[in-house]
Amino acid sequence: MLAGIGLGAALVLFSGCASGTEGGPTSQAGTATSTGVVTESSGSAPSESREDQLRTAAETLDRSATAGDLDTAWSFYSQRCKDQIGSVEAYGALLDAFYAGRTPNYTDWTVRVNGSSGQVVTVDSDPGAPASSMTPRTWTFIDGRWQFDNC
């Protein structure tokens, strides 16, 4: 399946995947966990907005991908994208090609949500980042969590 996906497609799939600030999502109520599952709030703590949930999911995907944590990064992909890529091993090969010769350094995530669809633009301060890194990436809220669906 990897042979069927060229580097150009990889740029679309992975534009913006990179590391962000230290720390990560928590398992607190109202947040996305490391697998992007949105937990419900309990008690008096307010729920995170859909925008915050999406930002947390996008940051976690980007950090995981650049850190080489393929299983965590892969868990954020929609089934449709997983079917197109084929396997976590193929995904790893695509990431290796996408990050070759680069030092991704993401500094900001801008999120826009419209119902169950979201767009994320990630700012990468790496001078080697492709021009497509500023292209909005599509996410979809499926089965109670945000899933990367830009394939």
N, C-alpha and C. Protein backbone atom coordinates (compact mmCIF):
# COMPACT_ATOMS: atom_id res chain seq x y z
N MET A 1 0.83 -1.20 0.00
CA MET A 1 0.00 0.00 0.00
C MET A 1 0.86 1.25 0.00
N LEU A 2 2.05 1.18 0.65
CA LEU A 2 2.94 2.33 0.73
C LEU A 2 3.34 2.82 -0.65
N ALA A 3 3.57 1.89 -1.58
CA ALA A 3 3.98 2.29 -2.92
C ALA A 3 2.89 3.12 -3.59
N GLY A 4 1.65 2.90 -3.21
CA GLY A 4 0.55 3.64 -3.80
C GLY A 4 0.42 5.06 -3.28
N ILE A 5 1.12 5.39 -2.22
CA ILE A 5 1.05 6.73 -1.64
C ILE A 5 2.38 7.39 -1.88
N GLY A 6 2.42 8.38 -2.73
CA GLY A 6 3.66 9.09 -3.03
C GLY A 6 4.01 10.09 -1.96
N LEU A 7 5.19 10.67 -2.08
CA LEU A 7 5.63 11.66 -1.11
C LEU A 7 4.70 12.87 -1.11
N GLY A 8 4.15 13.21 -2.26
CA GLY A 8 3.20 14.33 -2.31
C GLY A 8 1.99 14.07 -1.43
N ALA A 9 1.49 12.84 -1.48
CA ALA A 9 0.37 12.48 -0.61
C ALA A 9 0.80 12.52 0.84
N ALA A 10 2.03 12.12 1.09
CA ALA A 10 2.53 12.16 2.47
C ALA A 10 2.56 13.58 2.98
N LEU A 11 2.89 14.53 2.12
CA LEU A 11 2.91 15.93 2.54
C LEU A 11 1.52 16.38 2.96
N VAL A 12 0.50 15.94 2.23
CA VAL A 12 -0.87 16.29 2.60
C VAL A 12 -1.24 15.62 3.91
N LEU A 13 -0.88 14.35 4.05
CA LEU A 13 -1.24 13.61 5.26
C LEU A 13 -0.54 14.13 6.49
N PHE A 14 0.72 14.59 6.33
CA PHE A 14 1.51 14.90 7.49
C PHE A 14 1.85 16.37 7.63
N SER A 15 1.33 17.23 6.77
CA SER A 15 1.62 18.65 6.91
C SER A 15 1.21 19.10 8.29
N GLY A 16 2.16 19.61 9.01
CA GLY A 16 1.89 20.10 10.34
C GLY A 16 2.16 19.10 11.44
N CYS A 17 2.48 17.86 11.13
CA CYS A 17 2.79 16.91 12.19
C CYS A 17 4.18 17.20 12.71
N ALA A 18 4.28 17.63 13.94
CA ALA A 18 5.57 17.92 14.55
C ALA A 18 5.40 18.10 16.03
N SER A 19 6.50 18.41 16.69
CA SER A 19 6.45 18.52 18.15
C SER A 19 5.98 19.90 18.56
N GLY A 20 5.41 19.95 19.74
CA GLY A 20 4.94 21.21 20.27
C GLY A 20 5.55 21.46 21.62
N THR A 21 4.81 22.12 22.45
CA THR A 21 5.29 22.45 23.77
C THR A 21 5.35 21.22 24.64
N GLU A 22 6.10 21.31 25.73
CA GLU A 22 6.21 20.19 26.64
C GLU A 22 4.87 19.93 27.30
N GLY A 23 4.74 18.75 27.84
CA GLY A 23 3.49 18.39 28.51
C GLY A 23 2.58 17.72 27.51
N GLY A 24 1.40 17.40 27.92
CA GLY A 24 0.49 16.72 27.02
C GLY A 24 -0.89 16.67 27.62
N PRO A 25 -1.76 15.95 26.92
CA PRO A 25 -3.12 15.87 27.40
C PRO A 25 -3.17 15.07 28.69
N THR A 26 -4.16 15.33 29.45
CA THR A 26 -4.33 14.62 30.70
C THR A 26 -5.58 13.77 30.62
N SER A 27 -5.80 13.01 31.64
CA SER A 27 -7.02 12.22 31.70
C SER A 27 -8.09 12.92 32.51
N GLN A 28 -7.93 14.22 32.73
CA GLN A 28 -8.94 14.97 33.46
C GLN A 28 -10.25 14.95 32.70
N ALA A 29 -11.32 15.04 33.41
CA ALA A 29 -12.62 15.07 32.77
C ALA A 29 -12.70 16.27 31.85
N GLY A 30 -13.30 16.04 30.69
CA GLY A 30 -13.49 17.12 29.73
C GLY A 30 -12.29 17.32 28.82
N THR A 31 -11.33 16.42 28.81
CA THR A 31 -10.18 16.57 27.94
C THR A 31 -9.99 15.32 27.08
N ALA A 32 -9.17 15.47 26.05
CA ALA A 32 -8.84 14.33 25.23
C ALA A 32 -7.67 13.60 25.89
N THR A 33 -7.78 12.29 26.00
CA THR A 33 -6.69 11.50 26.56
C THR A 33 -5.65 11.27 25.47
N SER A 34 -4.61 10.50 25.78
CA SER A 34 -3.55 10.28 24.80
C SER A 34 -4.05 9.59 23.54
N THR A 35 -5.21 8.97 23.58
CA THR A 35 -5.75 8.36 22.38
C THR A 35 -6.86 9.22 21.78
N GLY A 36 -7.03 10.42 22.28
CA GLY A 36 -8.00 11.34 21.70
C GLY A 36 -9.42 11.13 22.18
N VAL A 37 -9.65 10.22 23.11
CA VAL A 37 -10.99 9.99 23.61
C VAL A 37 -11.37 11.14 24.52
N VAL A 38 -12.51 11.73 24.26
CA VAL A 38 -12.97 12.85 25.06
C VAL A 38 -13.76 12.30 26.23
N THR A 39 -13.32 12.63 27.42
CA THR A 39 -14.02 12.16 28.61
C THR A 39 -15.03 13.21 29.05
N GLU A 40 -16.06 12.77 29.67
CA GLU A 40 -17.09 13.69 30.14
C GLU A 40 -16.68 14.32 31.47
N SER A 41 -17.14 15.51 31.69
CA SER A 41 -16.86 16.19 32.94
C SER A 41 -17.76 15.64 34.03
N SER A 42 -17.21 15.64 35.23
CA SER A 42 -18.02 15.27 36.38
C SER A 42 -17.78 16.30 37.47
N GLY A 43 -18.68 16.42 38.38
CA GLY A 43 -18.52 17.39 39.45
C GLY A 43 -18.69 18.80 38.93
N SER A 44 -17.98 19.75 39.55
CA SER A 44 -18.18 21.14 39.20
C SER A 44 -17.18 21.64 38.16
N ALA A 45 -16.21 20.80 37.71
CA ALA A 45 -15.23 21.24 36.72
C ALA A 45 -15.92 21.43 35.37
N PRO A 46 -15.72 22.59 34.73
CA PRO A 46 -16.36 22.83 33.44
C PRO A 46 -15.72 21.97 32.34
N SER A 47 -16.51 21.61 31.34
CA SER A 47 -16.01 20.84 30.20
C SER A 47 -15.15 21.73 29.32
N GLU A 48 -14.16 21.11 28.69
CA GLU A 48 -13.39 21.82 27.68
C GLU A 48 -14.28 22.03 26.47
N SER A 49 -14.06 23.10 25.77
CA SER A 49 -14.81 23.34 24.54
C SER A 49 -14.36 22.36 23.47
N ARG A 50 -15.15 22.20 22.44
CA ARG A 50 -14.76 21.34 21.31
C ARG A 50 -13.45 21.85 20.70
N GLU A 51 -13.27 23.16 20.66
CA GLU A 51 -12.03 23.73 20.12
C GLU A 51 -10.82 23.31 20.94
N ASP A 52 -10.96 23.37 22.27
CA ASP A 52 -9.86 22.96 23.14
C ASP A 52 -9.59 21.46 23.02
N GLN A 53 -10.65 20.67 22.91
CA GLN A 53 -10.48 19.23 22.73
C GLN A 53 -9.73 18.93 21.43
N LEU A 54 -10.09 19.63 20.37
CA LEU A 54 -9.43 19.42 19.09
C LEU A 54 -7.97 19.87 19.16
N ARG A 55 -7.72 21.02 19.76
CA ARG A 55 -6.34 21.51 19.90
C ARG A 55 -5.48 20.49 20.66
N THR A 56 -6.02 19.94 21.74
CA THR A 56 -5.30 18.93 22.52
C THR A 56 -5.00 17.71 21.67
N ALA A 57 -5.98 17.24 20.90
CA ALA A 57 -5.77 16.08 20.04
C ALA A 57 -4.71 16.36 18.98
N ALA A 58 -4.77 17.53 18.34
CA ALA A 58 -3.81 17.89 17.29
C ALA A 58 -2.40 18.00 17.87
N GLU A 59 -2.27 18.64 19.01
CA GLU A 59 -0.96 18.77 19.65
C GLU A 59 -0.39 17.40 19.99
N THR A 60 -1.23 16.51 20.53
CA THR A 60 -0.77 15.19 20.91
C THR A 60 -0.34 14.39 19.68
N LEU A 61 -1.12 14.45 18.61
CA LEU A 61 -0.73 13.77 17.38
C LEU A 61 0.62 14.29 16.89
N ASP A 62 0.78 15.60 16.82
CA ASP A 62 2.02 16.19 16.32
C ASP A 62 3.21 15.80 17.19
N ARG A 63 3.07 15.91 18.51
CA ARG A 63 4.17 15.55 19.42
C ARG A 63 4.52 14.06 19.30
N SER A 64 3.50 13.23 19.23
CA SER A 64 3.73 11.79 19.14
C SER A 64 4.43 11.42 17.84
N ALA A 65 4.00 12.01 16.75
CA ALA A 65 4.59 11.69 15.45
C ALA A 65 6.07 12.05 15.41
N THR A 66 6.42 13.22 15.90
CA THR A 66 7.82 13.63 15.84
C THR A 66 8.68 12.91 16.88
N ALA A 67 8.08 12.43 17.94
CA ALA A 67 8.84 11.70 18.97
C ALA A 67 9.01 10.23 18.59
N GLY A 68 8.38 9.82 17.50
CA GLY A 68 8.49 8.43 17.08
C GLY A 68 7.52 7.49 17.78
N ASP A 69 6.55 8.05 18.50
CA ASP A 69 5.53 7.24 19.17
C ASP A 69 4.42 6.96 18.15
N LEU A 70 4.71 6.01 17.26
CA LEU A 70 3.81 5.75 16.13
C LEU A 70 2.45 5.23 16.57
N ASP A 71 2.41 4.39 17.60
CA ASP A 71 1.12 3.84 18.03
C ASP A 71 0.18 4.94 18.52
N THR A 72 0.71 5.87 19.30
CA THR A 72 -0.14 6.97 19.78
C THR A 72 -0.57 7.86 18.62
N ALA A 73 0.37 8.24 17.77
CA ALA A 73 0.02 9.09 16.63
C ALA A 73 -1.01 8.40 15.73
N TRP A 74 -0.80 7.13 15.44
CA TRP A 74 -1.68 6.35 14.58
C TRP A 74 -3.10 6.28 15.16
N SER A 75 -3.20 6.27 16.49
CA SER A 75 -4.52 6.15 17.13
C SER A 75 -5.41 7.35 16.86
N PHE A 76 -4.86 8.47 16.43
CA PHE A 76 -5.65 9.66 16.13
C PHE A 76 -6.20 9.65 14.71
N TYR A 77 -5.72 8.75 13.86
CA TYR A 77 -6.16 8.72 12.46
C TYR A 77 -7.52 8.06 12.34
N SER A 78 -8.35 8.60 11.45
CA SER A 78 -9.66 7.99 11.18
C SER A 78 -9.45 6.65 10.49
N GLN A 79 -10.46 5.81 10.56
CA GLN A 79 -10.36 4.50 9.90
C GLN A 79 -10.17 4.68 8.41
N ARG A 80 -10.79 5.69 7.84
CA ARG A 80 -10.65 5.95 6.40
C ARG A 80 -9.18 6.21 6.04
N CYS A 81 -8.50 7.02 6.84
CA CYS A 81 -7.09 7.31 6.58
C CYS A 81 -6.23 6.07 6.84
N LYS A 82 -6.54 5.34 7.91
CA LYS A 82 -5.78 4.11 8.19
C LYS A 82 -5.88 3.13 7.02
N ASP A 83 -7.08 3.03 6.45
CA ASP A 83 -7.26 2.12 5.32
C ASP A 83 -6.44 2.58 4.12
N GLN A 84 -6.33 3.89 3.90
CA GLN A 84 -5.54 4.40 2.78
C GLN A 84 -4.04 4.20 2.98
N ILE A 85 -3.57 4.37 4.21
CA ILE A 85 -2.14 4.23 4.49
C ILE A 85 -1.76 2.77 4.56
N GLY A 86 -2.57 1.96 5.18
CA GLY A 86 -2.36 0.52 5.21
C GLY A 86 -1.96 -0.05 6.55
N SER A 87 -0.94 0.48 7.19
CA SER A 87 -0.49 -0.08 8.46
C SER A 87 0.34 0.96 9.21
N VAL A 88 0.56 0.70 10.48
CA VAL A 88 1.39 1.60 11.29
C VAL A 88 2.83 1.59 10.78
N GLU A 89 3.27 0.48 10.22
CA GLU A 89 4.63 0.41 9.66
C GLU A 89 4.75 1.31 8.43
N ALA A 90 3.75 1.28 7.56
CA ALA A 90 3.74 2.15 6.38
C ALA A 90 3.67 3.61 6.82
N TYR A 91 2.90 3.87 7.85
CA TYR A 91 2.80 5.21 8.41
C TYR A 91 4.18 5.69 8.89
N GLY A 92 4.91 4.82 9.58
CA GLY A 92 6.24 5.17 10.05
C GLY A 92 7.18 5.51 8.91
N ALA A 93 7.10 4.75 7.82
CA ALA A 93 7.95 5.02 6.66
C ALA A 93 7.60 6.37 6.03
N LEU A 94 6.32 6.68 5.98
CA LEU A 94 5.91 7.99 5.45
C LEU A 94 6.40 9.13 6.34
N LEU A 95 6.30 8.95 7.64
CA LEU A 95 6.80 9.98 8.55
C LEU A 95 8.30 10.17 8.40
N ASP A 96 9.04 9.06 8.27
CA ASP A 96 10.49 9.16 8.08
C ASP A 96 10.81 10.00 6.85
N ALA A 97 10.09 9.76 5.76
CA ALA A 97 10.33 10.53 4.53
C ALA A 97 9.93 11.99 4.72
N PHE A 98 8.83 12.22 5.41
CA PHE A 98 8.34 13.59 5.60
C PHE A 98 9.29 14.41 6.47
N TYR A 99 9.88 13.80 7.49
CA TYR A 99 10.75 14.52 8.41
C TYR A 99 12.23 14.48 8.04
N ALA A 100 12.58 13.80 6.97
CA ALA A 100 13.99 13.67 6.58
C ALA A 100 14.63 15.05 6.42
N GLY A 101 15.75 15.26 7.13
CA GLY A 101 16.49 16.52 7.02
C GLY A 101 15.84 17.71 7.70
N ARG A 102 14.83 17.47 8.51
CA ARG A 102 14.10 18.56 9.17
C ARG A 102 14.19 18.44 10.67
N THR A 103 13.94 19.56 11.32
CA THR A 103 13.80 19.61 12.76
C THR A 103 12.49 20.35 13.05
N PRO A 104 11.37 19.65 12.96
CA PRO A 104 10.08 20.32 13.18
C PRO A 104 10.02 20.98 14.55
N ASN A 105 9.46 22.17 14.58
CA ASN A 105 9.31 22.91 15.84
C ASN A 105 8.00 23.68 15.79
N TYR A 106 6.94 23.00 16.17
CA TYR A 106 5.62 23.63 16.13
C TYR A 106 5.42 24.50 17.36
N THR A 107 4.90 25.68 17.11
CA THR A 107 4.76 26.65 18.19
C THR A 107 3.32 27.05 18.48
N ASP A 108 2.40 26.75 17.57
CA ASP A 108 1.02 27.18 17.79
C ASP A 108 0.07 26.35 16.94
N TRP A 109 -1.12 26.12 17.48
CA TRP A 109 -2.17 25.41 16.77
C TRP A 109 -3.39 26.33 16.75
N THR A 110 -3.89 26.62 15.55
CA THR A 110 -5.10 27.41 15.40
C THR A 110 -6.21 26.46 14.98
N VAL A 111 -7.32 26.52 15.69
CA VAL A 111 -8.39 25.55 15.52
C VAL A 111 -9.68 26.26 15.18
N ARG A 112 -10.42 25.68 14.25
CA ARG A 112 -11.78 26.15 13.94
C ARG A 112 -12.69 24.94 13.87
N VAL A 113 -13.79 24.98 14.60
CA VAL A 113 -14.73 23.87 14.65
C VAL A 113 -16.08 24.32 14.11
N ASN A 114 -16.67 23.46 13.28
CA ASN A 114 -18.01 23.69 12.76
C ASN A 114 -18.75 22.36 12.89
N GLY A 115 -19.50 22.22 13.98
CA GLY A 115 -20.21 20.97 14.24
C GLY A 115 -19.23 19.84 14.53
N SER A 116 -19.30 18.78 13.72
CA SER A 116 -18.42 17.64 13.92
C SER A 116 -17.18 17.69 13.02
N SER A 117 -16.96 18.81 12.38
CA SER A 117 -15.78 18.98 11.52
C SER A 117 -14.89 20.07 12.09
N GLY A 118 -13.59 19.87 11.97
CA GLY A 118 -12.65 20.87 12.46
C GLY A 118 -11.50 21.05 11.51
N GLN A 119 -10.89 22.21 11.57
CA GLN A 119 -9.70 22.52 10.79
C GLN A 119 -8.61 22.96 11.75
N VAL A 120 -7.38 22.49 11.52
CA VAL A 120 -6.25 22.83 12.37
C VAL A 120 -5.12 23.34 11.48
N VAL A 121 -4.58 24.50 11.83
CA VAL A 121 -3.37 25.02 11.19
C VAL A 121 -2.31 25.07 12.28
N THR A 122 -1.14 24.49 11.96
CA THR A 122 -0.06 24.45 12.93
C THR A 122 1.09 25.29 12.42
N VAL A 123 1.64 26.13 13.27
CA VAL A 123 2.77 26.99 12.91
C VAL A 123 4.06 26.24 13.23
N ASP A 124 4.91 26.07 12.21
CA ASP A 124 6.18 25.36 12.35
C ASP A 124 7.31 26.35 12.11
N SER A 125 8.15 26.57 13.10
CA SER A 125 9.25 27.52 12.96
C SER A 125 10.48 26.90 12.31
N ASP A 126 10.41 25.64 11.92
CA ASP A 126 11.52 24.98 11.23
C ASP A 126 11.66 25.60 9.83
N PRO A 127 12.83 26.17 9.49
CA PRO A 127 13.00 26.76 8.15
C PRO A 127 12.84 25.74 7.03
N GLY A 128 13.00 24.46 7.33
CA GLY A 128 12.86 23.43 6.31
C GLY A 128 11.44 22.92 6.14
N ALA A 129 10.49 23.50 6.86
CA ALA A 129 9.10 23.05 6.76
C ALA A 129 8.57 23.33 5.36
N PRO A 130 7.81 22.38 4.81
CA PRO A 130 7.24 22.62 3.47
C PRO A 130 6.18 23.71 3.52
N ALA A 131 5.98 24.35 2.39
CA ALA A 131 4.97 25.42 2.31
C ALA A 131 3.59 24.91 2.71
N SER A 132 3.33 23.64 2.46
CA SER A 132 2.02 23.06 2.77
C SER A 132 1.76 22.93 4.27
N SER A 133 2.79 23.19 5.09
CA SER A 133 2.59 23.02 6.53
C SER A 133 1.57 24.01 7.10
N MET A 134 1.32 25.09 6.39
CA MET A 134 0.32 26.07 6.86
C MET A 134 -1.08 25.80 6.29
N THR A 135 -1.23 24.71 5.56
CA THR A 135 -2.53 24.34 5.01
C THR A 135 -3.39 23.73 6.12
N PRO A 136 -4.64 24.19 6.25
CA PRO A 136 -5.50 23.61 7.28
C PRO A 136 -5.66 22.10 7.09
N ARG A 137 -5.63 21.38 8.20
CA ARG A 137 -5.82 19.94 8.20
C ARG A 137 -7.20 19.63 8.76
N THR A 138 -7.87 18.67 8.15
CA THR A 138 -9.24 18.32 8.52
C THR A 138 -9.26 17.25 9.60
N TRP A 139 -10.07 17.49 10.60
CA TRP A 139 -10.35 16.54 11.66
C TRP A 139 -11.87 16.36 11.72
N THR A 140 -12.31 15.17 12.15
CA THR A 140 -13.73 14.90 12.27
C THR A 140 -14.00 14.29 13.64
N PHE A 141 -15.09 14.73 14.27
CA PHE A 141 -15.49 14.19 15.56
C PHE A 141 -16.31 12.94 15.29
N ILE A 142 -15.70 11.77 15.56
CA ILE A 142 -16.31 10.47 15.27
C ILE A 142 -16.25 9.62 16.53
N ASP A 143 -17.35 9.00 16.87
CA ASP A 143 -17.40 8.08 18.02
C ASP A 143 -16.87 8.73 19.30
N GLY A 144 -17.22 9.98 19.53
CA GLY A 144 -16.89 10.65 20.78
C GLY A 144 -15.48 11.19 20.89
N ARG A 145 -14.74 11.26 19.78
CA ARG A 145 -13.38 11.80 19.84
C ARG A 145 -13.01 12.42 18.49
N TRP A 146 -12.03 13.33 18.54
CA TRP A 146 -11.53 13.96 17.33
C TRP A 146 -10.56 13.01 16.64
N GLN A 147 -10.78 12.81 15.33
CA GLN A 147 -9.91 11.94 14.53
C GLN A 147 -9.36 12.70 13.34
N PHE A 148 -8.06 12.55 13.10
CA PHE A 148 -7.40 13.17 11.95
C PHE A 148 -7.96 12.52 10.70
N ASP A 149 -8.52 13.33 9.80
CA ASP A 149 -9.23 12.81 8.65
C ASP A 149 -8.81 13.52 7.36
N ASN A 150 -7.56 13.93 7.30
CA ASN A 150 -7.05 14.71 6.18
C ASN A 150 -6.34 13.80 5.16
N CYS A 151 -7.08 12.84 4.64
CA CYS A 151 -6.48 11.93 3.67
C CYS A 151 -7.34 11.86 2.42
